[in-house]
Amino acid sequence: MPPEYYCPRCKSENVYVFEAHIECAECKLSFSIESIENDIDEENILAEEELDAFAGAFDEEERKKIINSLIDDFF
């Protein structure tokens, strides 16, 4: 039986599946299952580490505005 998920970055099927995310054993990146299951093109899915780095570039107030904007766009 083929695995339910694979890494959107390196395409490896060697992933650990958790409740809300997967972790790739090959490239060591983590991806939100919600992002994988949405209609986002694979090349546009960001790893959780990349999202954290992006959010870290903004102060707390700016992060809240960005998160609220994204929530409005996707939900």
C-alpha atoms as a PDB file:
ATOM      1  CA  MET A   1       0.000   0.000   0.000  1.00  0.00           C
ATOM      2  CA  PRO A   2       1.501   3.396  -0.946  1.00  0.00           C
ATOM      3  CA  PRO A   3       2.053   5.900   1.850  1.00  0.00           C
ATOM      4  CA  GLU A   4      -0.624   8.510   2.378  1.00  0.00           C
ATOM      5  CA  TYR A   5       1.851  11.410   2.327  1.00  0.00           C
ATOM      6  CA  TYR A   6       5.201  12.222   0.783  1.00  0.00           C
ATOM      7  CA  CYS A   7       7.556  15.167   1.100  1.00  0.00           C
ATOM      8  CA  PRO A   8       6.518  18.036  -1.189  1.00  0.00           C
ATOM      9  CA  ARG A   9      10.136  19.220  -1.338  1.00  0.00           C
ATOM     10  CA  CYS A  10      12.233  16.138  -2.113  1.00  0.00           C
ATOM     11  CA  LYS A  11       9.354  13.772  -3.023  1.00  0.00           C
ATOM     12  CA  SER A  12      10.567  11.145  -0.541  1.00  0.00           C
ATOM     13  CA  GLU A  13       7.973   8.730   0.792  1.00  0.00           C
ATOM     14  CA  ASN A  14      10.143   8.253   3.896  1.00  0.00           C
ATOM     15  CA  VAL A  15       8.122  10.562   6.149  1.00  0.00           C
ATOM     16  CA  TYR A  16       6.876  10.434   9.717  1.00  0.00           C
ATOM     17  CA  VAL A  17       3.197  11.327   9.961  1.00  0.00           C
ATOM     18  CA  PHE A  18       1.966  13.114  13.069  1.00  0.00           C
ATOM     19  CA  GLU A  19      -1.432  14.558  13.879  1.00  0.00           C
ATOM     20  CA  ALA A  20      -0.911  17.981  12.264  1.00  0.00           C
ATOM     21  CA  HIS A  21       2.297  17.664  10.253  1.00  0.00           C
ATOM     22  CA  ILE A  22       4.729  15.351   8.523  1.00  0.00           C
ATOM     23  CA  GLU A  23       8.493  15.227   8.936  1.00  0.00           C
ATOM     24  CA  CYS A  24      10.703  14.076   6.090  1.00  0.00           C
ATOM     25  CA  ALA A  25      13.429  11.642   7.121  1.00  0.00           C
ATOM     26  CA  GLU A  26      15.461  12.541   4.019  1.00  0.00           C
ATOM     27  CA  CYS A  27      15.552  16.359   3.833  1.00  0.00           C
ATOM     28  CA  LYS A  28      14.627  16.873   7.523  1.00  0.00           C
ATOM     29  CA  LEU A  29      11.880  19.422   6.788  1.00  0.00           C
ATOM     30  CA  SER A  30       8.397  19.494   8.359  1.00  0.00           C
ATOM     31  CA  PHE A  31       5.200  20.322   6.495  1.00  0.00           C
ATOM     32  CA  SER A  32       1.709  21.059   7.737  1.00  0.00           C
ATOM     33  CA  ILE A  33      -0.779  18.391   6.667  1.00  0.00           C
ATOM     34  CA  GLU A  34      -3.310  21.186   6.213  1.00  0.00           C
ATOM     35  CA  SER A  35      -1.008  22.827   3.637  1.00  0.00           C
ATOM     36  CA  ILE A  36      -0.473  19.531   1.852  1.00  0.00           C
ATOM     37  CA  GLU A  37      -4.199  18.781   1.659  1.00  0.00           C
ATOM     38  CA  ASN A  38      -5.142  22.262   0.394  1.00  0.00           C
ATOM     39  CA  ASP A  39      -5.174  23.142  -3.278  1.00  0.00           C
ATOM     40  CA  ILE A  40      -1.704  24.697  -3.057  1.00  0.00           C
ATOM     41  CA  ASP A  41       0.765  23.724  -5.783  1.00  0.00           C
ATOM     42  CA  GLU A  42       3.497  21.554  -4.296  1.00  0.00           C
ATOM     43  CA  GLU A  43       6.258  23.969  -5.297  1.00  0.00           C
ATOM     44  CA  ASN A  44       4.509  26.683  -3.275  1.00  0.00           C
ATOM     45  CA  ILE A  45       4.153  24.720  -0.030  1.00  0.00           C
ATOM     46  CA  LEU A  46       6.556  26.105   2.544  1.00  0.00           C
ATOM     47  CA  ALA A  47       8.141  23.983   5.240  1.00  0.00           C
ATOM     48  CA  GLU A  48       7.315  24.877   8.829  1.00  0.00           C
ATOM     49  CA  GLU A  49      10.944  25.934   9.285  1.00  0.00           C
ATOM     50  CA  GLU A  50      10.617  28.380   6.379  1.00  0.00           C
ATOM     51  CA  LEU A  51       7.364  29.776   7.744  1.00  0.00           C
ATOM     52  CA  ASP A  52       8.965  30.272  11.169  1.00  0.00           C
ATOM     53  CA  ALA A  53      11.916  32.101   9.599  1.00  0.00           C
ATOM     54  CA  PHE A  54       9.549  34.331   7.626  1.00  0.00           C
ATOM     55  CA  ALA A  55       7.450  35.131  10.706  1.00  0.00           C
ATOM     56  CA  GLY A  56      10.580  35.817  12.741  1.00  0.00           C
ATOM     57  CA  ALA A  57      11.397  38.740  10.467  1.00  0.00           C
ATOM     58  CA  PHE A  58       8.408  40.669  11.872  1.00  0.00           C
ATOM     59  CA  ASP A  59       7.588  41.954  15.323  1.00  0.00           C
ATOM     60  CA  GLU A  60       4.668  40.487  17.289  1.00  0.00           C
ATOM     61  CA  GLU A  61       2.099  43.072  16.164  1.00  0.00           C
ATOM     62  CA  GLU A  62       3.023  42.674  12.492  1.00  0.00           C
ATOM     63  CA  ARG A  63       2.857  38.864  12.834  1.00  0.00           C
ATOM     64  CA  LYS A  64      -0.677  39.096  14.220  1.00  0.00           C
ATOM     65  CA  LYS A  65      -1.747  41.246  11.265  1.00  0.00           C
ATOM     66  CA  ILE A  66      -0.199  38.803   8.783  1.00  0.00           C
ATOM     67  CA  ILE A  67      -1.790  35.787  10.479  1.00  0.00           C
ATOM     68  CA  ASN A  68      -5.205  37.460  10.545  1.00  0.00           C
ATOM     69  CA  SER A  69      -4.853  38.372   6.888  1.00  0.00           C
ATOM     70  CA  LEU A  70      -3.930  34.795   5.961  1.00  0.00           C
ATOM     71  CA  ILE A  71      -6.819  33.420   7.995  1.00  0.00           C
ATOM     72  CA  ASP A  72      -9.204  35.767   6.186  1.00  0.00           C
ATOM     73  CA  ASP A  73      -7.804  34.645   2.811  1.00  0.00           C
ATOM     74  CA  PHE A  74      -7.904  30.907   3.423  1.00  0.00           C
ATOM     75  CA  PHE A  75     -10.883  30.415   5.706  1.00  0.00           C
END
